[in-house]
């Protein structure tokens, strides 16, 4: 026996030794036709026929004595090397939507092998081992809230020298704190303190989340003004992704403007006075009347006392500062 092919097995995994694993030179017989194999006992493994099983949790290189027989004589005893590999990954506890660093370690410490990571079955990222056998990569944690005993998984697909390996670890996903902000919507005067706001929050982009509120009111009064305080209450969240969040506030404050409501006053037609007499009280109609309008003052007209037509003007007529 002059040599061997590379042999490896994952930790705690049995391996069958075959004639094909050995390089044998025989001047009389073509190898491996007619040859038999004997695997001998050694340390750090158990043996059943030609199958070895590394000792529990052993990692490293096994030396397995073997010999072959061509039907007449035994060969030299050859110390076969078997690498017992190990892939392990680290557990993760983090907040939903955060960036997490996934790590795996491959033994023996070899570089330039690709480790693929998944988080609770979803593809996360890939890393390449360095000289210490360590592979790392970053991914966004989008697994739903909960505890998953094997939620972190690292996969090595294997190559000519090392077999495929899988490692798992616990994944704990914590709820994300959701902060809701309100922005007031400017509106026309309507005689009430009712307000309207739009809500924004720090959800993970793309999440299906509905944020609503029960009421929004102007806290001082419902009169015309700028930057008037608004109080929002009854904020709540629903939707398929709401279970991944801790709502941090059910109330909010903001400001908004109330601007004057436009009403149209129309002087009644056919109004007149006789020459030399005092002006009558000019009458009018107006719209809208929601909310009801309380006027003060009177309409007036253009100056002049000669016989003729004169324009009726607003005069002192007022509906107050909300109109």
C-alpha atoms as a PDB file:
ATOM      1  CA  UNK A   1       0.000   0.000   0.000  1.00  0.00           C
ATOM      2  CA  UNK A   2       1.621   3.221  -1.157  1.00  0.00           C
ATOM      3  CA  UNK A   3      -1.072   5.788  -0.494  1.00  0.00           C
ATOM      4  CA  UNK A   4      -4.742   6.688  -0.161  1.00  0.00           C
ATOM      5  CA  UNK A   5      -7.416   8.980  -1.448  1.00  0.00           C
ATOM      6  CA  UNK A   6      -8.586  11.797   0.879  1.00  0.00           C
ATOM      7  CA  UNK A   7     -11.079  10.476   3.427  1.00  0.00           C
ATOM      8  CA  UNK A   8     -13.320  12.417   5.794  1.00  0.00           C
ATOM      9  CA  UNK A   9     -16.522  11.941   7.730  1.00  0.00           C
ATOM     10  CA  UNK A  10     -18.613  14.332   9.841  1.00  0.00           C
ATOM     11  CA  UNK A  11     -18.435  14.082  13.617  1.00  0.00           C
ATOM     12  CA  UNK A  12     -20.305  11.066  15.057  1.00  0.00           C
ATOM     13  CA  UNK A  13     -20.828   9.666  11.560  1.00  0.00           C
ATOM     14  CA  UNK A  14     -19.724   6.192  10.472  1.00  0.00           C
ATOM     15  CA  UNK A  15     -17.529   5.605   7.401  1.00  0.00           C
ATOM     16  CA  UNK A  16     -16.986   2.417   5.428  1.00  0.00           C
ATOM     17  CA  UNK A  17     -13.402   1.819   4.264  1.00  0.00           C
ATOM     18  CA  UNK A  18     -13.150   0.181   0.830  1.00  0.00           C
ATOM     19  CA  UNK A  19     -10.397  -1.066  -1.471  1.00  0.00           C
ATOM     20  CA  UNK A  20     -11.027   1.982  -3.656  1.00  0.00           C
ATOM     21  CA  UNK A  21      -9.742   4.201  -0.845  1.00  0.00           C
ATOM     22  CA  UNK A  22      -6.211   2.750  -1.149  1.00  0.00           C
ATOM     23  CA  UNK A  23      -3.398   3.089  -3.663  1.00  0.00           C
ATOM     24  CA  UNK A  24      -1.751  -0.302  -4.058  1.00  0.00           C
ATOM     25  CA  UNK A  25       1.167  -1.460  -6.154  1.00  0.00           C
ATOM     26  CA  UNK A  26       1.425  -5.207  -6.921  1.00  0.00           C
ATOM     27  CA  UNK A  27       3.799  -6.598  -9.534  1.00  0.00           C
ATOM     28  CA  UNK A  28       1.810  -9.807  -9.975  1.00  0.00           C
ATOM     29  CA  UNK A  29      -1.881  -8.906  -9.746  1.00  0.00           C
ATOM     30  CA  UNK A  30      -3.995  -6.057 -11.050  1.00  0.00           C
ATOM     31  CA  UNK A  31      -5.465  -4.151  -8.110  1.00  0.00           C
ATOM     32  CA  UNK A  32      -8.142  -4.459  -6.761  1.00  0.00           C
ATOM     33  CA  UNK A  33      -9.227  -7.634  -8.568  1.00  0.00           C
ATOM     34  CA  UNK A  34      -8.943 -10.563  -6.171  1.00  0.00           C
ATOM     35  CA  UNK A  35      -7.831  -8.428  -3.242  1.00  0.00           C
ATOM     36  CA  UNK A  36      -9.367  -8.415   0.228  1.00  0.00           C
ATOM     37  CA  UNK A  37      -9.236  -5.672   2.833  1.00  0.00           C
ATOM     38  CA  UNK A  38      -8.635  -5.882   6.564  1.00  0.00           C
ATOM     39  CA  UNK A  39      -9.318  -2.898   8.798  1.00  0.00           C
ATOM     40  CA  UNK A  40      -7.612  -3.058  12.161  1.00  0.00           C
ATOM     41  CA  UNK A  41      -8.639  -1.614  15.495  1.00  0.00           C
ATOM     42  CA  UNK A  42      -7.221   1.654  16.711  1.00  0.00           C
ATOM     43  CA  UNK A  43      -7.897   4.571  18.992  1.00  0.00           C
ATOM     44  CA  UNK A  44     -10.773   7.055  18.950  1.00  0.00           C
ATOM     45  CA  UNK A  45     -13.055   4.844  16.858  1.00  0.00           C
ATOM     46  CA  UNK A  46     -15.019   1.637  16.989  1.00  0.00           C
ATOM     47  CA  UNK A  47     -14.904  -0.965  14.245  1.00  0.00           C
ATOM     48  CA  UNK A  48     -17.496  -3.267  12.732  1.00  0.00           C
ATOM     49  CA  UNK A  49     -16.075  -5.193   9.757  1.00  0.00           C
ATOM     50  CA  UNK A  50     -14.855  -2.405   7.428  1.00  0.00           C
ATOM     51  CA  UNK A  51     -16.926   0.394   8.997  1.00  0.00           C
ATOM     52  CA  UNK A  52     -15.478   2.784  11.538  1.00  0.00           C
ATOM     53  CA  UNK A  53     -17.424   5.093  13.833  1.00  0.00           C
ATOM     54  CA  UNK A  54     -15.507   7.951  15.480  1.00  0.00           C
ATOM     55  CA  UNK A  55     -15.738   8.169  19.242  1.00  0.00           C
ATOM     56  CA  UNK A  56     -18.490  10.421  20.511  1.00  0.00           C
ATOM     57  CA  UNK A  57     -17.799  14.080  19.618  1.00  0.00           C
ATOM     58  CA  UNK A  58     -14.260  13.292  18.433  1.00  0.00           C
ATOM     59  CA  UNK A  59     -12.907  15.873  15.980  1.00  0.00           C
ATOM     60  CA  UNK A  60      -9.556  15.560  14.279  1.00  0.00           C
ATOM     61  CA  UNK A  61      -7.577  12.973  12.333  1.00  0.00           C
ATOM     62  CA  UNK A  62      -8.102   9.262  12.889  1.00  0.00           C
ATOM     63  CA  UNK A  63      -5.251   6.872  12.178  1.00  0.00           C
ATOM     64  CA  UNK A  64      -6.773   3.625  10.969  1.00  0.00           C
ATOM     65  CA  UNK A  65      -4.357   0.699  10.302  1.00  0.00           C
ATOM     66  CA  UNK A  66      -5.313  -1.331   7.225  1.00  0.00           C
ATOM     67  CA  UNK A  67      -3.832  -4.062   5.069  1.00  0.00           C
ATOM     68  CA  UNK A  68      -4.767  -5.879   1.900  1.00  0.00           C
ATOM     69  CA  UNK A  69      -4.226  -9.451   0.671  1.00  0.00           C
ATOM     70  CA  UNK A  70      -3.834 -10.431  -2.970  1.00  0.00           C
ATOM     71  CA  UNK A  71      -4.963 -13.970  -2.280  1.00  0.00           C
ATOM     72  CA  UNK A  72      -1.492 -15.176  -1.249  1.00  0.00           C
ATOM     73  CA  UNK A  73       0.201 -12.687   1.056  1.00  0.00           C
ATOM     74  CA  UNK A  74      -0.668  -9.690   3.186  1.00  0.00           C
ATOM     75  CA  UNK A  75       0.568  -6.229   2.340  1.00  0.00           C
ATOM     76  CA  UNK A  76       2.322  -3.921   4.715  1.00  0.00           C
ATOM     77  CA  UNK A  77       0.115  -2.277   7.352  1.00  0.00           C
ATOM     78  CA  UNK A  78      -0.761   1.191   6.187  1.00  0.00           C
ATOM     79  CA  UNK A  79      -1.933   3.941   8.539  1.00  0.00           C
ATOM     80  CA  UNK A  80      -4.956   5.385   6.789  1.00  0.00           C
ATOM     81  CA  UNK A  81      -5.792   8.986   7.686  1.00  0.00           C
ATOM     82  CA  UNK A  82      -9.441   9.924   8.132  1.00  0.00           C
ATOM     83  CA  UNK A  83     -10.394  13.523   8.893  1.00  0.00           C
ATOM     84  CA  UNK A  84     -13.346  13.758  11.243  1.00  0.00           C
ATOM     85  CA  UNK A  85     -14.938  17.083  10.430  1.00  0.00           C
ATOM     86  CA  UNK A  86     -17.261  19.301  12.386  1.00  0.00           C
ATOM     87  CA  UNK A  87     -19.475  22.183  11.382  1.00  0.00           C
ATOM     88  CA  UNK A  88     -21.041  24.263  14.122  1.00  0.00           C
ATOM     89  CA  UNK A  89     -23.022  27.458  14.071  1.00  0.00           C
ATOM     90  CA  UNK A  90     -23.914  29.916  16.805  1.00  0.00           C
ATOM     91  CA  UNK A  91     -27.357  30.670  18.265  1.00  0.00           C
ATOM     92  CA  UNK A  92     -28.988  34.029  17.621  1.00  0.00           C
ATOM     93  CA  UNK A  93     -31.235  36.138  19.821  1.00  0.00           C
ATOM     94  CA  UNK A  94     -32.227  39.425  18.264  1.00  0.00           C
ATOM     95  CA  UNK A  95     -35.061  41.791  17.417  1.00  0.00           C
ATOM     96  CA  UNK A  96     -37.312  41.312  14.420  1.00  0.00           C
ATOM     97  CA  UNK A  97     -36.099  43.422  11.504  1.00  0.00           C
ATOM     98  CA  UNK A  98     -32.569  43.899  12.844  1.00  0.00           C
ATOM     99  CA  UNK A  99     -29.374  42.943  10.994  1.00  0.00           C
ATOM    100  CA  UNK A 100     -27.859  39.786  12.444  1.00  0.00           C
ATOM    101  CA  UNK A 101     -24.428  38.254  11.960  1.00  0.00           C
ATOM    102  CA  UNK A 102     -24.453  34.530  11.221  1.00  0.00           C
ATOM    103  CA  UNK A 103     -21.333  32.536  12.048  1.00  0.00           C
ATOM    104  CA  UNK A 104     -20.148  28.991  11.462  1.00  0.00           C
ATOM    105  CA  UNK A 105     -16.904  27.170  12.221  1.00  0.00           C
ATOM    106  CA  UNK A 106     -15.577  24.267  10.170  1.00  0.00           C
ATOM    107  CA  UNK A 107     -13.043  21.787  11.558  1.00  0.00           C
ATOM    108  CA  UNK A 108     -10.402  21.079  10.404  1.00  0.00           C
ATOM    109  CA  UNK A 109      -9.677  24.767   9.967  1.00  0.00           C
ATOM    110  CA  UNK A 110      -9.586  25.148   6.205  1.00  0.00           C
ATOM    111  CA  UNK A 111     -10.240  28.235   4.125  1.00  0.00           C
ATOM    112  CA  UNK A 112     -12.280  28.999   1.028  1.00  0.00           C
ATOM    113  CA  UNK A 113     -15.226  26.695   1.584  1.00  0.00           C
ATOM    114  CA  UNK A 114     -18.706  28.179   1.234  1.00  0.00           C
ATOM    115  CA  UNK A 115     -21.200  27.937   4.073  1.00  0.00           C
ATOM    116  CA  UNK A 116     -24.841  28.692   3.276  1.00  0.00           C
ATOM    117  CA  UNK A 117     -27.077  29.968   6.062  1.00  0.00           C
ATOM    118  CA  UNK A 118     -30.835  29.856   6.493  1.00  0.00           C
ATOM    119  CA  UNK A 119     -33.059  31.368   9.180  1.00  0.00           C
ATOM    120  CA  UNK A 120     -36.030  29.151   9.997  1.00  0.00           C
ATOM    121  CA  UNK A 121     -35.890  27.722   6.488  1.00  0.00           C
ATOM    122  CA  UNK A 122     -35.552  31.008   4.599  1.00  0.00           C
ATOM    123  CA  UNK A 123     -32.343  31.723   2.680  1.00  0.00           C
ATOM    124  CA  UNK A 124     -30.302  34.264   4.635  1.00  0.00           C
ATOM    125  CA  UNK A 125     -26.752  34.651   3.268  1.00  0.00           C
ATOM    126  CA  UNK A 126     -23.488  32.836   2.477  1.00  0.00           C
ATOM    127  CA  UNK A 127     -19.990  33.114   3.903  1.00  0.00           C
ATOM    128  CA  UNK A 128     -16.558  31.758   2.955  1.00  0.00           C
ATOM    129  CA  UNK A 129     -14.287  30.311   5.620  1.00  0.00           C
ATOM    130  CA  UNK A 130     -11.069  32.080   6.504  1.00  0.00           C
ATOM    131  CA  UNK A 131      -7.833  30.435   7.619  1.00  0.00           C
ATOM    132  CA  UNK A 132      -9.436  29.667  10.980  1.00  0.00           C
ATOM    133  CA  UNK A 133     -12.354  27.857   9.382  1.00  0.00           C
ATOM    134  CA  UNK A 134     -14.751  30.658  10.272  1.00  0.00           C
ATOM    135  CA  UNK A 135     -17.469  31.866   7.904  1.00  0.00           C
ATOM    136  CA  UNK A 136     -19.619  34.908   8.617  1.00  0.00           C
ATOM    137  CA  UNK A 137     -22.288  36.922   6.807  1.00  0.00           C
ATOM    138  CA  UNK A 138     -25.032  39.400   7.630  1.00  0.00           C
ATOM    139  CA  UNK A 139     -28.767  39.178   7.007  1.00  0.00           C
ATOM    140  CA  UNK A 140     -31.958  40.964   8.030  1.00  0.00           C
ATOM    141  CA  UNK A 141     -33.928  38.987  10.613  1.00  0.00           C
ATOM    142  CA  UNK A 142     -37.390  38.638   9.059  1.00  0.00           C
ATOM    143  CA  UNK A 143     -38.478  35.476  10.855  1.00  0.00           C
ATOM    144  CA  UNK A 144     -41.706  35.935  12.817  1.00  0.00           C
ATOM    145  CA  UNK A 145     -41.579  36.414  16.581  1.00  0.00           C
ATOM    146  CA  UNK A 146     -40.887  33.202  18.498  1.00  0.00           C
ATOM    147  CA  UNK A 147     -38.327  30.632  19.637  1.00  0.00           C
ATOM    148  CA  UNK A 148     -37.025  28.087  17.127  1.00  0.00           C
ATOM    149  CA  UNK A 149     -34.694  25.378  18.533  1.00  0.00           C
ATOM    150  CA  UNK A 150     -33.065  24.718  15.130  1.00  0.00           C
ATOM    151  CA  UNK A 151     -33.897  28.034  13.469  1.00  0.00           C
ATOM    152  CA  UNK A 152     -30.273  28.851  12.597  1.00  0.00           C
ATOM    153  CA  UNK A 153     -28.864  26.441  10.033  1.00  0.00           C
ATOM    154  CA  UNK A 154     -25.470  26.277   8.328  1.00  0.00           C
ATOM    155  CA  UNK A 155     -24.895  24.019   5.303  1.00  0.00           C
ATOM    156  CA  UNK A 156     -21.679  22.866   3.677  1.00  0.00           C
ATOM    157  CA  UNK A 157     -22.452  21.054   0.417  1.00  0.00           C
ATOM    158  CA  UNK A 158     -19.216  19.038   0.430  1.00  0.00           C
ATOM    159  CA  UNK A 159     -16.298  18.768  -1.992  1.00  0.00           C
ATOM    160  CA  UNK A 160     -13.734  16.239  -3.157  1.00  0.00           C
ATOM    161  CA  UNK A 161     -11.995  16.217   0.230  1.00  0.00           C
ATOM    162  CA  UNK A 162     -14.761  16.767   2.760  1.00  0.00           C
ATOM    163  CA  UNK A 163     -18.318  15.456   3.016  1.00  0.00           C
ATOM    164  CA  UNK A 164     -21.443  17.576   3.233  1.00  0.00           C
ATOM    165  CA  UNK A 165     -22.262  18.837   6.732  1.00  0.00           C
ATOM    166  CA  UNK A 166     -25.171  20.535   8.463  1.00  0.00           C
ATOM    167  CA  UNK A 167     -25.230  22.420  11.744  1.00  0.00           C
ATOM    168  CA  UNK A 168     -28.146  24.022  13.573  1.00  0.00           C
ATOM    169  CA  UNK A 169     -28.605  26.300  16.566  1.00  0.00           C
ATOM    170  CA  UNK A 170     -31.425  28.050  18.391  1.00  0.00           C
ATOM    171  CA  UNK A 171     -33.044  31.179  16.992  1.00  0.00           C
ATOM    172  CA  UNK A 172     -34.975  33.544  19.268  1.00  0.00           C
ATOM    173  CA  UNK A 173     -36.802  36.412  17.574  1.00  0.00           C
ATOM    174  CA  UNK A 174     -37.912  39.262  19.827  1.00  0.00           C
ATOM    175  CA  UNK A 175     -40.712  41.693  19.028  1.00  0.00           C
ATOM    176  CA  UNK A 176     -39.751  45.039  17.516  1.00  0.00           C
ATOM    177  CA  UNK A 177     -40.810  48.224  19.308  1.00  0.00           C
ATOM    178  CA  UNK A 178     -43.220  50.171  17.109  1.00  0.00           C
ATOM    179  CA  UNK A 179     -43.354  53.936  17.606  1.00  0.00           C
ATOM    180  CA  UNK A 180     -46.297  55.721  15.985  1.00  0.00           C
ATOM    181  CA  UNK A 181     -46.172  59.430  15.114  1.00  0.00           C
ATOM    182  CA  UNK A 182     -49.081  61.662  14.085  1.00  0.00           C
ATOM    183  CA  UNK A 183     -49.114  64.539  11.608  1.00  0.00           C
ATOM    184  CA  UNK A 184     -52.061  66.934  11.713  1.00  0.00           C
ATOM    185  CA  UNK A 185     -54.164  67.644   8.604  1.00  0.00           C
ATOM    186  CA  UNK A 186     -55.130  71.311   8.064  1.00  0.00           C
ATOM    187  CA  UNK A 187     -58.860  71.845   7.583  1.00  0.00           C
ATOM    188  CA  UNK A 188     -61.586  74.413   7.139  1.00  0.00           C
ATOM    189  CA  UNK A 189     -63.540  75.691  10.134  1.00  0.00           C
ATOM    190  CA  UNK A 190     -66.612  73.535  10.774  1.00  0.00           C
ATOM    191  CA  UNK A 191     -67.687  74.544  14.278  1.00  0.00           C
ATOM    192  CA  UNK A 192     -66.340  71.371  15.929  1.00  0.00           C
ATOM    193  CA  UNK A 193     -63.089  70.336  17.592  1.00  0.00           C
ATOM    194  CA  UNK A 194     -62.785  67.240  15.398  1.00  0.00           C
ATOM    195  CA  UNK A 195     -59.379  66.805  13.813  1.00  0.00           C
ATOM    196  CA  UNK A 196     -57.782  64.503  11.274  1.00  0.00           C
ATOM    197  CA  UNK A 197     -54.235  63.129  11.308  1.00  0.00           C
ATOM    198  CA  UNK A 198     -52.027  60.839   9.305  1.00  0.00           C
ATOM    199  CA  UNK A 199     -49.966  58.210  11.113  1.00  0.00           C
ATOM    200  CA  UNK A 200     -46.406  57.052  10.438  1.00  0.00           C
ATOM    201  CA  UNK A 201     -44.236  54.457  12.163  1.00  0.00           C
ATOM    202  CA  UNK A 202     -40.915  52.616  12.135  1.00  0.00           C
ATOM    203  CA  UNK A 203     -42.158  49.301  10.738  1.00  0.00           C
ATOM    204  CA  UNK A 204     -39.905  47.065   8.663  1.00  0.00           C
ATOM    205  CA  UNK A 205     -40.381  48.150   5.016  1.00  0.00           C
ATOM    206  CA  UNK A 206     -42.856  45.913   3.231  1.00  0.00           C
ATOM    207  CA  UNK A 207     -44.601  44.614   6.351  1.00  0.00           C
ATOM    208  CA  UNK A 208     -48.372  44.201   6.207  1.00  0.00           C
ATOM    209  CA  UNK A 209     -49.441  46.331   9.136  1.00  0.00           C
ATOM    210  CA  UNK A 210     -52.486  48.557   9.627  1.00  0.00           C
ATOM    211  CA  UNK A 211     -52.214  51.408  12.157  1.00  0.00           C
ATOM    212  CA  UNK A 212     -55.420  53.227  13.145  1.00  0.00           C
ATOM    213  CA  UNK A 213     -56.697  55.667  15.774  1.00  0.00           C
ATOM    214  CA  UNK A 214     -60.069  56.177  17.490  1.00  0.00           C
ATOM    215  CA  UNK A 215     -60.183  59.952  17.767  1.00  0.00           C
ATOM    216  CA  UNK A 216     -58.283  63.178  17.128  1.00  0.00           C
ATOM    217  CA  UNK A 217     -59.390  66.511  18.570  1.00  0.00           C
ATOM    218  CA  UNK A 218     -58.222  70.109  18.770  1.00  0.00           C
ATOM    219  CA  UNK A 219     -57.593  70.411  22.489  1.00  0.00           C
ATOM    220  CA  UNK A 220     -58.041  74.202  22.872  1.00  0.00           C
ATOM    221  CA  UNK A 221     -61.081  74.970  20.694  1.00  0.00           C
ATOM    222  CA  UNK A 222     -62.329  74.610  17.162  1.00  0.00           C
ATOM    223  CA  UNK A 223     -61.765  78.224  16.102  1.00  0.00           C
ATOM    224  CA  UNK A 224     -59.573  79.438  13.269  1.00  0.00           C
ATOM    225  CA  UNK A 225     -55.858  79.444  14.060  1.00  0.00           C
ATOM    226  CA  UNK A 226     -52.450  78.095  13.109  1.00  0.00           C
ATOM    227  CA  UNK A 227     -50.416  75.315  14.749  1.00  0.00           C
ATOM    228  CA  UNK A 228     -53.297  74.418  17.044  1.00  0.00           C
ATOM    229  CA  UNK A 229     -52.602  71.480  19.404  1.00  0.00           C
ATOM    230  CA  UNK A 230     -54.187  68.151  18.456  1.00  0.00           C
ATOM    231  CA  UNK A 231     -54.525  65.113  20.712  1.00  0.00           C
ATOM    232  CA  UNK A 232     -54.772  61.610  19.216  1.00  0.00           C
ATOM    233  CA  UNK A 233     -56.032  58.609  21.175  1.00  0.00           C
ATOM    234  CA  UNK A 234     -56.872  54.941  20.633  1.00  0.00           C
ATOM    235  CA  UNK A 235     -53.899  54.087  18.423  1.00  0.00           C
ATOM    236  CA  UNK A 236     -53.820  50.363  17.604  1.00  0.00           C
ATOM    237  CA  UNK A 237     -52.220  47.937  15.146  1.00  0.00           C
ATOM    238  CA  UNK A 238     -53.618  45.001  13.185  1.00  0.00           C
ATOM    239  CA  UNK A 239     -52.547  42.944  10.209  1.00  0.00           C
ATOM    240  CA  UNK A 240     -50.606  39.756   9.385  1.00  0.00           C
ATOM    241  CA  UNK A 241     -47.301  41.137  10.710  1.00  0.00           C
ATOM    242  CA  UNK A 242     -48.647  42.864  13.834  1.00  0.00           C
ATOM    243  CA  UNK A 243     -47.529  39.962  16.057  1.00  0.00           C
ATOM    244  CA  UNK A 244     -43.913  40.953  15.432  1.00  0.00           C
ATOM    245  CA  UNK A 245     -44.317  44.330  17.143  1.00  0.00           C
ATOM    246  CA  UNK A 246     -44.726  45.882  20.584  1.00  0.00           C
ATOM    247  CA  UNK A 247     -46.838  49.019  20.185  1.00  0.00           C
ATOM    248  CA  UNK A 248     -45.105  51.703  22.249  1.00  0.00           C
ATOM    249  CA  UNK A 249     -47.825  54.372  22.315  1.00  0.00           C
ATOM    250  CA  UNK A 250     -51.602  54.461  22.056  1.00  0.00           C
ATOM    251  CA  UNK A 251     -51.724  58.275  22.090  1.00  0.00           C
ATOM    252  CA  UNK A 252     -49.894  61.037  20.238  1.00  0.00           C
ATOM    253  CA  UNK A 253     -49.869  64.818  19.927  1.00  0.00           C
ATOM    254  CA  UNK A 254     -49.365  67.069  16.928  1.00  0.00           C
ATOM    255  CA  UNK A 255     -50.594  70.400  15.519  1.00  0.00           C
ATOM    256  CA  UNK A 256     -52.747  71.525  12.601  1.00  0.00           C
ATOM    257  CA  UNK A 257     -54.270  74.706  11.182  1.00  0.00           C
ATOM    258  CA  UNK A 258     -57.945  75.617  11.015  1.00  0.00           C
ATOM    259  CA  UNK A 259     -58.556  78.107   8.242  1.00  0.00           C
ATOM    260  CA  UNK A 260     -61.618  80.336   7.747  1.00  0.00           C
ATOM    261  CA  UNK A 261     -64.703  78.935   6.084  1.00  0.00           C
ATOM    262  CA  UNK A 262     -65.840  80.761   2.951  1.00  0.00           C
ATOM    263  CA  UNK A 263     -69.485  81.869   2.816  1.00  0.00           C
ATOM    264  CA  UNK A 264     -71.206  83.805   0.052  1.00  0.00           C
ATOM    265  CA  UNK A 265     -73.547  86.716   0.903  1.00  0.00           C
ATOM    266  CA  UNK A 266     -75.911  87.897  -1.850  1.00  0.00           C
ATOM    267  CA  UNK A 267     -77.868  91.122  -1.490  1.00  0.00           C
ATOM    268  CA  UNK A 268     -81.535  90.706  -2.391  1.00  0.00           C
ATOM    269  CA  UNK A 269     -82.528  92.277  -5.687  1.00  0.00           C
ATOM    270  CA  UNK A 270     -85.079  95.090  -6.049  1.00  0.00           C
ATOM    271  CA  UNK A 271     -84.041  97.010  -2.975  1.00  0.00           C
ATOM    272  CA  UNK A 272     -84.574 100.823  -3.148  1.00  0.00           C
ATOM    273  CA  UNK A 273     -85.289 104.014  -1.249  1.00  0.00           C
ATOM    274  CA  UNK A 274     -87.160 107.229  -2.077  1.00  0.00           C
ATOM    275  CA  UNK A 275     -85.188 110.355  -2.780  1.00  0.00           C
ATOM    276  CA  UNK A 276     -84.620 112.305   0.419  1.00  0.00           C
ATOM    277  CA  UNK A 277     -85.360 109.387   2.742  1.00  0.00           C
ATOM    278  CA  UNK A 278     -82.905 107.362   4.854  1.00  0.00           C
ATOM    279  CA  UNK A 279     -81.466 104.123   3.541  1.00  0.00           C
ATOM    280  CA  UNK A 280     -83.405 100.978   4.425  1.00  0.00           C
ATOM    281  CA  UNK A 281     -81.788  97.994   6.180  1.00  0.00           C
ATOM    282  CA  UNK A 282     -80.490  96.041   3.247  1.00  0.00           C
ATOM    283  CA  UNK A 283     -81.478  92.369   3.227  1.00  0.00           C
ATOM    284  CA  UNK A 284     -79.515  89.426   1.919  1.00  0.00           C
ATOM    285  CA  UNK A 285     -79.231  85.665   1.629  1.00  0.00           C
ATOM    286  CA  UNK A 286     -76.141  83.581   2.294  1.00  0.00           C
ATOM    287  CA  UNK A 287     -74.775  80.072   1.938  1.00  0.00           C
ATOM    288  CA  UNK A 288     -73.758  77.693   3.249  1.00  0.00           C
ATOM    289  CA  UNK A 289     -75.279  77.737   6.724  1.00  0.00           C
ATOM    290  CA  UNK A 290     -73.381  74.767   8.182  1.00  0.00           C
ATOM    291  CA  UNK A 291     -72.506  75.436  10.886  1.00  0.00           C
ATOM    292  CA  UNK A 292     -75.160  78.114  11.449  1.00  0.00           C
ATOM    293  CA  UNK A 293     -73.788  81.592  10.941  1.00  0.00           C
ATOM    294  CA  UNK A 294     -74.401  84.482  13.346  1.00  0.00           C
ATOM    295  CA  UNK A 295     -73.901  87.833  11.603  1.00  0.00           C
ATOM    296  CA  UNK A 296     -73.205  91.228  13.069  1.00  0.00           C
ATOM    297  CA  UNK A 297     -73.271  94.613  11.354  1.00  0.00           C
ATOM    298  CA  UNK A 298     -75.105  95.722   8.215  1.00  0.00           C
ATOM    299  CA  UNK A 299     -74.690  95.904   4.498  1.00  0.00           C
ATOM    300  CA  UNK A 300     -73.980  99.321   3.070  1.00  0.00           C
ATOM    301  CA  UNK A 301     -73.953 100.962  -0.392  1.00  0.00           C
ATOM    302  CA  UNK A 302     -71.816 103.233  -2.470  1.00  0.00           C
ATOM    303  CA  UNK A 303     -71.987 106.873  -1.452  1.00  0.00           C
ATOM    304  CA  UNK A 304     -74.367 109.292  -3.166  1.00  0.00           C
ATOM    305  CA  UNK A 305     -77.840 110.806  -2.828  1.00  0.00           C
ATOM    306  CA  UNK A 306     -78.701 111.606  -6.426  1.00  0.00           C
ATOM    307  CA  UNK A 307     -81.348 109.588  -8.162  1.00  0.00           C
ATOM    308  CA  UNK A 308     -79.682 106.505  -9.717  1.00  0.00           C
ATOM    309  CA  UNK A 309     -78.421 102.991  -9.075  1.00  0.00           C
ATOM    310  CA  UNK A 310     -75.846 102.242  -6.376  1.00  0.00           C
ATOM    311  CA  UNK A 311     -73.867  99.069  -5.590  1.00  0.00           C
ATOM    312  CA  UNK A 312     -74.668  97.401  -2.277  1.00  0.00           C
ATOM    313  CA  UNK A 313     -71.438  96.657  -0.419  1.00  0.00           C
ATOM    314  CA  UNK A 314     -70.381  94.567   2.588  1.00  0.00           C
ATOM    315  CA  UNK A 315     -70.354  97.502   4.912  1.00  0.00           C
ATOM    316  CA  UNK A 316     -69.936  96.376   8.533  1.00  0.00           C
ATOM    317  CA  UNK A 317     -71.500  92.964   7.946  1.00  0.00           C
ATOM    318  CA  UNK A 318     -69.367  90.240   9.551  1.00  0.00           C
ATOM    319  CA  UNK A 319     -69.717  86.543  10.342  1.00  0.00           C
ATOM    320  CA  UNK A 320     -66.826  86.659  12.789  1.00  0.00           C
ATOM    321  CA  UNK A 321     -63.158  85.536  12.538  1.00  0.00           C
ATOM    322  CA  UNK A 322     -64.055  81.943  11.640  1.00  0.00           C
ATOM    323  CA  UNK A 323     -65.430  83.026   8.233  1.00  0.00           C
END
